[in-house]
Structures are given as structure tokens and as C-alpha cells.
Amino acid sequence: MFDLLINGRKLVFESALSHAEVTSRLQRELAPPKWELIESKKKELFEGTFADGRFRMGRMVRGRNSFRTMIEGQLSPTAAGTRIDATLRLHPVVLILCAAMALFWALVAWLAVSEYFKTGEASGPLYISVGAFGVFCIFMIATISEARRATRLLSELFEAQPSPAGASTAG
């Protein structure tokens, strides 16, 4: 999970599909990024950009989802098909907001713990800190779930199972 926060989760898809077929599928399932006041009924799986064998996209979400995993990648033709190197990470704005919230709640928790040691009584900030920890857990679950959905959609699109970027593949 923390790989999404730091450098991104790096995945490699070794697809048996040709480079042209993977390119065609990606173009078909990729809508251009745009902001709409009223959502249209789109059928694409992702929104983003694709050019020169490189893509940057996010999963198409009907409604609001701040935890969408951003996917950056590159297609490379191989003798057996196509290799897709992809990196999943959180949007930088989400990371900045999460870091600011974590700093704020760490300060509140520090104040609550210091007050507890002075008075020996649990107070409002301590309860608020416990609640903040609960919100953090929900954030973690939502982030992991979103990354798994994006990985599953990519697997179906490329007809290949991902392997970590550092793992060696036979071929």
C-alpha cells in the first residue's frame, strides 16, 4: 500500500496481444480528460492521454472518487507480443492533502496525549485522534481497493496478469 504513496506501484504486463492490438484497445477505452458539470454516459474504462506508446490515465469513475489511482505507462513491442510497463500512484494533490491532514492530526494527537499525561483523563482531542485514525484506515482501504480495481481493469484490457517490475520474466 505504501508503494502507492511513495514512488508508485510498478507493474509489468507481458501480453500475447500484438502492439497494434494493445494500442487499438487502449485508444478505444481511453476518453480524453475533461471536466464536466453534468456527467455524460461514457462507456470508456479510463480517461487520460495516449501518444507515442506512452499513456497517463485514471480509471473512469461515475461520481466522485478522490482516491483514484493515476496510471502512467509505456508500451513496448516484443517478439511474443507487447510489454506494458505501468506505474500506479496517487495524484499529487491527494498526497499533499493527505500529508497536511496527517500533520494536523498528529499535532492534535500529541496535544491529547500530553494532556492525558498531565491530567490522567481522556479528553476530546484524544477521542478526535481515535476518530482521525479511523478515517485514515478508511483512506487506506479505499486506496488499496481503487488500485486493485485499476489493476484488474488493466489485466482484462491487456489480457495479461501483472508482475512486479523488479521480477524477472521468462521469455
N, C-alpha and C. Protein backbone atom coordinates (compact mmCIF):
# COMPACT_ATOMS: atom_id res chain seq x y z
N MET A 1 0.81 -1.18 0.00
CA MET A 1 0.00 0.00 0.00
C MET A 1 0.86 1.26 0.00
N PHE A 2 1.91 1.27 0.81
CA PHE A 2 2.72 2.47 0.91
C PHE A 2 3.49 2.74 -0.38
N ASP A 3 3.63 1.72 -1.24
CA ASP A 3 4.29 1.96 -2.53
C ASP A 3 3.49 2.96 -3.37
N LEU A 4 2.16 2.98 -3.23
CA LEU A 4 1.35 3.96 -3.95
C LEU A 4 1.64 5.38 -3.47
N LEU A 5 1.98 5.52 -2.20
CA LEU A 5 2.23 6.83 -1.62
C LEU A 5 3.62 7.36 -1.95
N ILE A 6 4.60 6.49 -2.00
CA ILE A 6 5.99 6.93 -2.14
C ILE A 6 6.37 7.09 -3.63
N ASN A 7 6.78 6.00 -4.27
CA ASN A 7 7.24 6.07 -5.66
C ASN A 7 6.24 5.51 -6.66
N GLY A 8 5.20 4.92 -6.19
CA GLY A 8 4.22 4.31 -7.08
C GLY A 8 4.44 2.81 -7.18
N ARG A 9 3.37 2.10 -7.45
CA ARG A 9 3.43 0.65 -7.62
C ARG A 9 3.75 0.36 -9.08
N LYS A 10 4.89 -0.26 -9.31
CA LYS A 10 5.34 -0.55 -10.67
C LYS A 10 4.92 -1.97 -11.05
N LEU A 11 4.24 -2.09 -12.18
CA LEU A 11 3.76 -3.37 -12.68
C LEU A 11 4.21 -3.56 -14.12
N VAL A 12 4.40 -4.83 -14.50
CA VAL A 12 4.74 -5.18 -15.87
C VAL A 12 3.71 -6.19 -16.37
N PHE A 13 3.13 -5.90 -17.52
CA PHE A 13 2.21 -6.81 -18.18
C PHE A 13 2.90 -7.34 -19.42
N GLU A 14 3.04 -8.65 -19.53
CA GLU A 14 3.58 -9.29 -20.73
C GLU A 14 2.39 -9.87 -21.49
N SER A 15 1.88 -9.12 -22.46
CA SER A 15 0.69 -9.51 -23.19
C SER A 15 1.05 -10.27 -24.47
N ALA A 16 0.27 -11.29 -24.78
CA ALA A 16 0.45 -12.02 -26.03
C ALA A 16 -0.15 -11.26 -27.21
N LEU A 17 -0.90 -10.20 -26.93
CA LEU A 17 -1.50 -9.40 -27.99
C LEU A 17 -0.43 -8.58 -28.70
N SER A 18 -0.65 -8.33 -29.97
CA SER A 18 0.32 -7.52 -30.74
C SER A 18 0.31 -6.08 -30.26
N HIS A 19 1.38 -5.38 -30.59
CA HIS A 19 1.49 -3.97 -30.22
C HIS A 19 0.33 -3.17 -30.81
N ALA A 20 -0.02 -3.46 -32.05
CA ALA A 20 -1.13 -2.75 -32.72
C ALA A 20 -2.46 -3.03 -32.01
N GLU A 21 -2.68 -4.28 -31.58
CA GLU A 21 -3.92 -4.63 -30.89
C GLU A 21 -4.01 -3.96 -29.53
N VAL A 22 -2.92 -3.93 -28.79
CA VAL A 22 -2.91 -3.27 -27.47
C VAL A 22 -3.14 -1.78 -27.66
N THR A 23 -2.50 -1.18 -28.64
CA THR A 23 -2.69 0.24 -28.93
C THR A 23 -4.14 0.53 -29.27
N SER A 24 -4.73 -0.31 -30.13
CA SER A 24 -6.13 -0.13 -30.51
C SER A 24 -7.07 -0.25 -29.32
N ARG A 25 -6.85 -1.25 -28.47
CA ARG A 25 -7.69 -1.42 -27.28
C ARG A 25 -7.56 -0.24 -26.33
N LEU A 26 -6.34 0.22 -26.14
CA LEU A 26 -6.12 1.34 -25.22
C LEU A 26 -6.78 2.61 -25.75
N GLN A 27 -6.67 2.86 -27.05
CA GLN A 27 -7.31 4.03 -27.63
C GLN A 27 -8.83 3.95 -27.55
N ARG A 28 -9.37 2.75 -27.69
CA ARG A 28 -10.82 2.56 -27.64
C ARG A 28 -11.37 2.79 -26.22
N GLU A 29 -10.59 2.42 -25.21
CA GLU A 29 -11.05 2.51 -23.82
C GLU A 29 -10.58 3.77 -23.10
N LEU A 30 -9.98 4.71 -23.83
CA LEU A 30 -9.43 5.91 -23.21
C LEU A 30 -10.16 7.15 -23.73
N ALA A 31 -10.86 7.82 -22.83
CA ALA A 31 -11.55 9.07 -23.17
C ALA A 31 -10.61 10.23 -22.86
N PRO A 32 -10.68 11.30 -23.64
CA PRO A 32 -9.84 12.47 -23.33
C PRO A 32 -10.26 13.08 -22.00
N PRO A 33 -9.28 13.60 -21.25
CA PRO A 33 -9.64 14.20 -19.96
C PRO A 33 -10.40 15.51 -20.16
N LYS A 34 -11.50 15.66 -19.43
CA LYS A 34 -12.24 16.92 -19.46
C LYS A 34 -13.10 17.00 -18.21
N TRP A 35 -13.38 18.21 -17.82
CA TRP A 35 -14.20 18.45 -16.65
C TRP A 35 -15.62 18.74 -17.12
N GLU A 36 -16.58 18.02 -16.57
CA GLU A 36 -17.97 18.20 -16.96
C GLU A 36 -18.81 18.52 -15.73
N LEU A 37 -19.71 19.47 -15.88
CA LEU A 37 -20.63 19.80 -14.81
C LEU A 37 -21.67 18.69 -14.68
N ILE A 38 -22.16 18.23 -15.80
CA ILE A 38 -23.12 17.13 -15.83
C ILE A 38 -22.43 15.96 -16.51
N GLU A 39 -22.36 14.84 -15.81
CA GLU A 39 -21.66 13.68 -16.35
C GLU A 39 -22.43 13.06 -17.51
N SER A 40 -21.71 12.71 -18.56
CA SER A 40 -22.33 12.01 -19.68
C SER A 40 -22.16 10.51 -19.46
N LYS A 41 -22.94 9.75 -20.14
CA LYS A 41 -22.89 8.29 -20.02
C LYS A 41 -21.83 7.75 -20.97
N LYS A 42 -20.60 7.71 -20.51
CA LYS A 42 -19.49 7.23 -21.32
C LYS A 42 -19.29 5.75 -21.08
N LYS A 43 -18.77 5.07 -22.08
CA LYS A 43 -18.53 3.64 -21.95
C LYS A 43 -17.05 3.33 -21.75
N GLU A 44 -16.18 4.31 -21.86
CA GLU A 44 -14.75 4.05 -21.73
C GLU A 44 -14.40 3.66 -20.29
N LEU A 45 -13.32 2.89 -20.15
CA LEU A 45 -12.87 2.47 -18.83
C LEU A 45 -11.97 3.51 -18.16
N PHE A 46 -11.23 4.28 -18.98
CA PHE A 46 -10.24 5.21 -18.46
C PHE A 46 -10.39 6.57 -19.12
N GLU A 47 -9.84 7.60 -18.46
CA GLU A 47 -9.73 8.91 -19.09
C GLU A 47 -8.30 9.38 -18.93
N GLY A 48 -7.78 9.99 -19.99
CA GLY A 48 -6.40 10.43 -19.95
C GLY A 48 -5.86 10.66 -21.35
N THR A 49 -4.55 10.51 -21.48
CA THR A 49 -3.90 10.75 -22.76
C THR A 49 -3.06 9.54 -23.17
N PHE A 50 -2.89 9.39 -24.49
CA PHE A 50 -2.08 8.31 -25.05
C PHE A 50 -1.44 8.83 -26.33
N ALA A 51 -0.11 8.77 -26.38
CA ALA A 51 0.61 9.21 -27.58
C ALA A 51 2.01 8.60 -27.56
N ASP A 52 2.48 8.21 -28.72
CA ASP A 52 3.84 7.68 -28.89
C ASP A 52 4.13 6.50 -27.96
N GLY A 53 3.14 5.65 -27.76
CA GLY A 53 3.33 4.46 -26.94
C GLY A 53 3.34 4.73 -25.45
N ARG A 54 3.04 5.97 -25.03
CA ARG A 54 3.01 6.32 -23.61
C ARG A 54 1.59 6.75 -23.23
N PHE A 55 1.19 6.40 -22.02
CA PHE A 55 -0.14 6.79 -21.56
C PHE A 55 -0.08 7.31 -20.14
N ARG A 56 -1.02 8.18 -19.84
CA ARG A 56 -1.24 8.72 -18.49
C ARG A 56 -2.75 8.81 -18.34
N MET A 57 -3.28 8.05 -17.37
CA MET A 57 -4.72 7.96 -17.28
C MET A 57 -5.17 7.61 -15.87
N GLY A 58 -6.46 7.73 -15.66
CA GLY A 58 -7.09 7.32 -14.42
C GLY A 58 -8.35 6.54 -14.76
N ARG A 59 -8.78 5.72 -13.85
CA ARG A 59 -9.98 4.93 -14.07
C ARG A 59 -11.17 5.88 -14.15
N MET A 60 -12.07 5.63 -15.09
CA MET A 60 -13.27 6.44 -15.24
C MET A 60 -14.19 6.10 -14.08
N VAL A 61 -14.62 7.10 -13.35
CA VAL A 61 -15.47 6.89 -12.19
C VAL A 61 -16.75 7.67 -12.38
N ARG A 62 -17.85 7.01 -12.19
CA ARG A 62 -19.16 7.68 -12.24
C ARG A 62 -19.42 8.24 -10.85
N GLY A 63 -19.28 9.53 -10.68
CA GLY A 63 -19.43 10.14 -9.36
C GLY A 63 -18.08 10.63 -8.87
N ARG A 64 -18.00 10.88 -7.59
CA ARG A 64 -16.78 11.45 -7.02
C ARG A 64 -15.93 10.35 -6.41
N ASN A 65 -14.63 10.43 -6.63
CA ASN A 65 -13.70 9.50 -6.02
C ASN A 65 -12.33 10.17 -5.97
N SER A 66 -11.96 10.65 -4.80
CA SER A 66 -10.70 11.34 -4.65
C SER A 66 -9.51 10.40 -4.64
N PHE A 67 -9.75 9.12 -4.45
CA PHE A 67 -8.66 8.17 -4.28
C PHE A 67 -8.31 7.46 -5.58
N ARG A 68 -8.76 7.99 -6.71
CA ARG A 68 -8.44 7.35 -7.98
C ARG A 68 -6.95 7.21 -8.16
N THR A 69 -6.54 6.03 -8.59
CA THR A 69 -5.14 5.78 -8.86
C THR A 69 -4.80 6.30 -10.25
N MET A 70 -3.75 7.09 -10.35
CA MET A 70 -3.29 7.56 -11.64
C MET A 70 -2.33 6.50 -12.20
N ILE A 71 -2.44 6.24 -13.49
CA ILE A 71 -1.65 5.19 -14.13
C ILE A 71 -0.82 5.82 -15.24
N GLU A 72 0.48 5.62 -15.16
CA GLU A 72 1.39 6.07 -16.21
C GLU A 72 2.07 4.84 -16.76
N GLY A 73 2.27 4.80 -18.07
CA GLY A 73 2.92 3.62 -18.61
C GLY A 73 3.44 3.80 -20.02
N GLN A 74 4.04 2.72 -20.49
CA GLN A 74 4.64 2.71 -21.82
C GLN A 74 4.46 1.33 -22.44
N LEU A 75 4.16 1.31 -23.73
CA LEU A 75 4.05 0.07 -24.49
C LEU A 75 5.34 -0.19 -25.24
N SER A 76 5.78 -1.44 -25.23
CA SER A 76 6.98 -1.83 -25.98
C SER A 76 6.69 -3.13 -26.71
N PRO A 77 6.89 -3.16 -28.04
CA PRO A 77 6.68 -4.42 -28.75
C PRO A 77 7.76 -5.44 -28.38
N THR A 78 7.36 -6.70 -28.28
CA THR A 78 8.30 -7.79 -28.03
C THR A 78 8.05 -8.87 -29.07
N ALA A 79 8.92 -9.88 -29.09
CA ALA A 79 8.76 -10.97 -30.06
C ALA A 79 7.48 -11.75 -29.79
N ALA A 80 7.08 -11.86 -28.53
CA ALA A 80 5.91 -12.65 -28.16
C ALA A 80 4.64 -11.81 -28.04
N GLY A 81 4.71 -10.51 -28.25
CA GLY A 81 3.54 -9.66 -28.11
C GLY A 81 3.91 -8.25 -27.72
N THR A 82 3.45 -7.82 -26.55
CA THR A 82 3.68 -6.45 -26.09
C THR A 82 3.99 -6.45 -24.61
N ARG A 83 4.96 -5.64 -24.23
CA ARG A 83 5.27 -5.44 -22.82
C ARG A 83 4.72 -4.07 -22.43
N ILE A 84 3.98 -4.05 -21.34
CA ILE A 84 3.41 -2.81 -20.83
C ILE A 84 4.00 -2.55 -19.45
N ASP A 85 4.77 -1.49 -19.32
CA ASP A 85 5.31 -1.07 -18.03
C ASP A 85 4.38 0.01 -17.50
N ALA A 86 3.80 -0.22 -16.33
CA ALA A 86 2.84 0.73 -15.76
C ALA A 86 3.23 1.08 -14.32
N THR A 87 2.93 2.29 -13.94
CA THR A 87 3.14 2.75 -12.57
C THR A 87 1.84 3.32 -12.05
N LEU A 88 1.37 2.79 -10.93
CA LEU A 88 0.16 3.28 -10.28
C LEU A 88 0.57 4.16 -9.11
N ARG A 89 -0.01 5.34 -9.01
CA ARG A 89 0.29 6.22 -7.88
C ARG A 89 -0.91 7.13 -7.63
N LEU A 90 -0.91 7.72 -6.46
CA LEU A 90 -1.96 8.68 -6.13
C LEU A 90 -1.63 10.03 -6.77
N HIS A 91 -2.66 10.79 -7.05
CA HIS A 91 -2.49 12.11 -7.63
C HIS A 91 -1.73 13.00 -6.64
N PRO A 92 -0.81 13.84 -7.11
CA PRO A 92 -0.03 14.69 -6.19
C PRO A 92 -0.89 15.58 -5.28
N VAL A 93 -2.02 16.07 -5.76
CA VAL A 93 -2.89 16.90 -4.92
C VAL A 93 -3.42 16.08 -3.75
N VAL A 94 -3.80 14.82 -4.02
CA VAL A 94 -4.28 13.94 -2.95
C VAL A 94 -3.17 13.70 -1.94
N LEU A 95 -1.95 13.48 -2.41
CA LEU A 95 -0.83 13.27 -1.50
C LEU A 95 -0.57 14.49 -0.61
N ILE A 96 -0.63 15.68 -1.19
CA ILE A 96 -0.40 16.90 -0.42
C ILE A 96 -1.50 17.08 0.63
N LEU A 97 -2.75 16.87 0.24
CA LEU A 97 -3.84 17.00 1.20
C LEU A 97 -3.74 15.96 2.31
N CYS A 98 -3.37 14.74 1.96
CA CYS A 98 -3.21 13.69 2.98
C CYS A 98 -2.06 14.01 3.93
N ALA A 99 -0.98 14.54 3.40
CA ALA A 99 0.15 14.91 4.26
C ALA A 99 -0.24 16.04 5.20
N ALA A 100 -0.98 17.01 4.71
CA ALA A 100 -1.43 18.12 5.56
C ALA A 100 -2.38 17.62 6.65
N MET A 101 -3.30 16.74 6.28
CA MET A 101 -4.22 16.17 7.27
C MET A 101 -3.47 15.33 8.29
N ALA A 102 -2.51 14.55 7.85
CA ALA A 102 -1.74 13.71 8.77
C ALA A 102 -0.95 14.58 9.75
N LEU A 103 -0.37 15.67 9.27
CA LEU A 103 0.36 16.58 10.14
C LEU A 103 -0.57 17.22 11.18
N PHE A 104 -1.73 17.66 10.73
CA PHE A 104 -2.70 18.27 11.64
C PHE A 104 -3.14 17.28 12.71
N TRP A 105 -3.50 16.05 12.29
CA TRP A 105 -3.99 15.06 13.26
C TRP A 105 -2.87 14.57 14.17
N ALA A 106 -1.65 14.56 13.70
CA ALA A 106 -0.53 14.20 14.57
C ALA A 106 -0.36 15.26 15.66
N LEU A 107 -0.54 16.53 15.29
CA LEU A 107 -0.46 17.60 16.28
C LEU A 107 -1.59 17.47 17.31
N VAL A 108 -2.80 17.21 16.85
CA VAL A 108 -3.93 17.02 17.76
C VAL A 108 -3.68 15.83 18.68
N ALA A 109 -3.17 14.74 18.13
CA ALA A 109 -2.88 13.56 18.96
C ALA A 109 -1.79 13.87 19.98
N TRP A 110 -0.77 14.60 19.59
CA TRP A 110 0.30 14.96 20.52
C TRP A 110 -0.26 15.81 21.67
N LEU A 111 -1.12 16.77 21.35
CA LEU A 111 -1.74 17.59 22.39
C LEU A 111 -2.61 16.73 23.31
N ALA A 112 -3.36 15.80 22.73
CA ALA A 112 -4.23 14.94 23.52
C ALA A 112 -3.43 14.04 24.46
N VAL A 113 -2.37 13.46 23.97
CA VAL A 113 -1.55 12.56 24.79
C VAL A 113 -0.84 13.35 25.88
N SER A 114 -0.33 14.54 25.54
CA SER A 114 0.34 15.33 26.58
C SER A 114 -0.65 15.77 27.65
N GLU A 115 -1.88 16.11 27.26
CA GLU A 115 -2.90 16.47 28.24
C GLU A 115 -3.28 15.26 29.10
N TYR A 116 -3.34 14.10 28.48
CA TYR A 116 -3.68 12.88 29.23
C TYR A 116 -2.62 12.60 30.30
N PHE A 117 -1.35 12.78 29.96
CA PHE A 117 -0.29 12.52 30.94
C PHE A 117 -0.28 13.58 32.06
N LYS A 118 -0.74 14.79 31.75
CA LYS A 118 -0.81 15.83 32.78
C LYS A 118 -1.98 15.62 33.73
N THR A 119 -3.16 15.33 33.15
CA THR A 119 -4.38 15.25 33.96
C THR A 119 -4.80 13.84 34.30
N GLY A 120 -4.37 12.87 33.49
CA GLY A 120 -4.79 11.48 33.71
C GLY A 120 -6.20 11.19 33.22
N GLU A 121 -6.80 12.11 32.49
CA GLU A 121 -8.15 11.92 31.98
C GLU A 121 -8.14 12.02 30.46
N ALA A 122 -8.96 11.15 29.86
CA ALA A 122 -9.13 11.21 28.41
C ALA A 122 -10.01 12.43 28.10
N SER A 123 -9.67 13.14 27.05
CA SER A 123 -10.42 14.35 26.71
C SER A 123 -10.85 14.31 25.25
N GLY A 124 -11.50 15.37 24.82
CA GLY A 124 -11.99 15.47 23.45
C GLY A 124 -10.92 15.24 22.39
N PRO A 125 -9.74 15.88 22.52
CA PRO A 125 -8.72 15.66 21.48
C PRO A 125 -8.30 14.20 21.35
N LEU A 126 -8.33 13.45 22.47
CA LEU A 126 -7.98 12.04 22.38
C LEU A 126 -9.02 11.27 21.57
N TYR A 127 -10.29 11.58 21.81
CA TYR A 127 -11.35 10.94 21.04
C TYR A 127 -11.29 11.35 19.57
N ILE A 128 -10.97 12.61 19.34
CA ILE A 128 -10.84 13.10 17.97
C ILE A 128 -9.67 12.37 17.28
N SER A 129 -8.59 12.14 18.00
CA SER A 129 -7.44 11.43 17.43
C SER A 129 -7.80 10.00 17.05
N VAL A 130 -8.58 9.35 17.90
CA VAL A 130 -9.03 7.99 17.59
C VAL A 130 -9.91 8.02 16.34
N GLY A 131 -10.77 9.01 16.24
CA GLY A 131 -11.61 9.16 15.05
C GLY A 131 -10.78 9.41 13.81
N ALA A 132 -9.74 10.23 13.94
CA ALA A 132 -8.85 10.51 12.80
C ALA A 132 -8.14 9.24 12.35
N PHE A 133 -7.76 8.40 13.31
CA PHE A 133 -7.14 7.12 12.95
C PHE A 133 -8.13 6.27 12.16
N GLY A 134 -9.40 6.29 12.55
CA GLY A 134 -10.43 5.56 11.80
C GLY A 134 -10.57 6.07 10.38
N VAL A 135 -10.53 7.39 10.22
CA VAL A 135 -10.61 7.98 8.88
C VAL A 135 -9.39 7.56 8.05
N PHE A 136 -8.22 7.53 8.67
CA PHE A 136 -7.01 7.10 7.99
C PHE A 136 -7.16 5.65 7.51
N CYS A 137 -7.73 4.79 8.35
CA CYS A 137 -7.95 3.39 7.96
C CYS A 137 -8.90 3.29 6.76
N ILE A 138 -9.94 4.11 6.76
CA ILE A 138 -10.87 4.13 5.63
C ILE A 138 -10.15 4.59 4.37
N PHE A 139 -9.29 5.60 4.49
CA PHE A 139 -8.50 6.08 3.36
C PHE A 139 -7.62 4.96 2.81
N MET A 140 -6.97 4.21 3.70
CA MET A 140 -6.10 3.11 3.28
C MET A 140 -6.91 2.05 2.53
N ILE A 141 -8.06 1.69 3.06
CA ILE A 141 -8.90 0.67 2.42
C ILE A 141 -9.37 1.15 1.06
N ALA A 142 -9.80 2.41 0.96
CA ALA A 142 -10.26 2.95 -0.32
C ALA A 142 -9.13 2.99 -1.34
N THR A 143 -7.94 3.35 -0.91
CA THR A 143 -6.80 3.44 -1.81
C THR A 143 -6.41 2.06 -2.33
N ILE A 144 -6.34 1.09 -1.44
CA ILE A 144 -6.00 -0.28 -1.84
C ILE A 144 -7.05 -0.84 -2.79
N SER A 145 -8.31 -0.61 -2.46
CA SER A 145 -9.40 -1.09 -3.30
C SER A 145 -9.35 -0.48 -4.70
N GLU A 146 -9.10 0.82 -4.77
CA GLU A 146 -9.03 1.50 -6.06
C GLU A 146 -7.85 1.00 -6.89
N ALA A 147 -6.71 0.77 -6.27
CA ALA A 147 -5.55 0.24 -7.00
C ALA A 147 -5.83 -1.16 -7.54
N ARG A 148 -6.53 -1.96 -6.75
CA ARG A 148 -6.88 -3.32 -7.22
C ARG A 148 -7.85 -3.27 -8.38
N ARG A 149 -8.83 -2.36 -8.32
CA ARG A 149 -9.78 -2.22 -9.44
C ARG A 149 -9.04 -1.82 -10.71
N ALA A 150 -8.16 -0.84 -10.60
CA ALA A 150 -7.41 -0.37 -11.76
C ALA A 150 -6.53 -1.48 -12.33
N THR A 151 -5.88 -2.25 -11.46
CA THR A 151 -5.03 -3.36 -11.91
C THR A 151 -5.87 -4.43 -12.61
N ARG A 152 -7.05 -4.73 -12.06
CA ARG A 152 -7.93 -5.73 -12.67
C ARG A 152 -8.38 -5.27 -14.06
N LEU A 153 -8.76 -4.00 -14.19
CA LEU A 153 -9.18 -3.48 -15.50
C LEU A 153 -8.04 -3.52 -16.51
N LEU A 154 -6.83 -3.18 -16.07
CA LEU A 154 -5.68 -3.26 -16.97
C LEU A 154 -5.42 -4.70 -17.38
N SER A 155 -5.54 -5.64 -16.46
CA SER A 155 -5.33 -7.06 -16.78
C SER A 155 -6.32 -7.53 -17.83
N GLU A 156 -7.58 -7.13 -17.69
CA GLU A 156 -8.60 -7.51 -18.67
C GLU A 156 -8.34 -6.85 -20.02
N LEU A 157 -7.92 -5.60 -20.00
CA LEU A 157 -7.66 -4.86 -21.24
C LEU A 157 -6.49 -5.46 -22.01
N PHE A 158 -5.41 -5.80 -21.29
CA PHE A 158 -4.20 -6.31 -21.94
C PHE A 158 -4.18 -7.83 -22.04
N GLU A 159 -5.17 -8.50 -21.45
CA GLU A 159 -5.23 -9.96 -21.40
C GLU A 159 -3.93 -10.56 -20.87
N ALA A 160 -3.47 -10.00 -19.75
CA ALA A 160 -2.22 -10.46 -19.12
C ALA A 160 -2.29 -10.16 -17.63
N GLN A 161 -1.66 -11.00 -16.85
CA GLN A 161 -1.57 -10.76 -15.41
C GLN A 161 -0.30 -9.95 -15.12
N PRO A 162 -0.39 -9.01 -14.18
CA PRO A 162 0.78 -8.20 -13.90
C PRO A 162 1.80 -8.92 -13.03
N SER A 163 3.03 -8.51 -13.17
CA SER A 163 4.08 -8.96 -12.27
C SER A 163 4.79 -7.71 -11.79
N PRO A 164 5.38 -7.74 -10.59
CA PRO A 164 6.12 -6.56 -10.12
C PRO A 164 7.26 -6.23 -11.09
N ALA A 165 7.57 -4.96 -11.22
CA ALA A 165 8.58 -4.52 -12.19
C ALA A 165 9.95 -5.12 -11.93
N GLY A 166 10.28 -5.42 -10.68
CA GLY A 166 11.59 -5.97 -10.36
C GLY A 166 11.70 -7.46 -10.63
N ALA A 167 10.57 -8.15 -10.83
CA ALA A 167 10.59 -9.60 -11.04
C ALA A 167 11.07 -9.91 -12.45
N SER A 168 11.85 -10.96 -12.57
CA SER A 168 12.30 -11.36 -13.90
C SER A 168 11.24 -12.23 -14.55
N THR A 169 11.07 -12.05 -15.85
CA THR A 169 10.08 -12.83 -16.59
C THR A 169 10.80 -13.70 -17.60
N ALA A 170 10.28 -14.89 -17.77
CA ALA A 170 10.87 -15.80 -18.74
C ALA A 170 10.39 -15.42 -20.13
N GLY A 171 11.24 -15.53 -21.09
CA GLY A 171 10.78 -15.21 -22.44
C GLY A 171 11.91 -14.71 -23.19
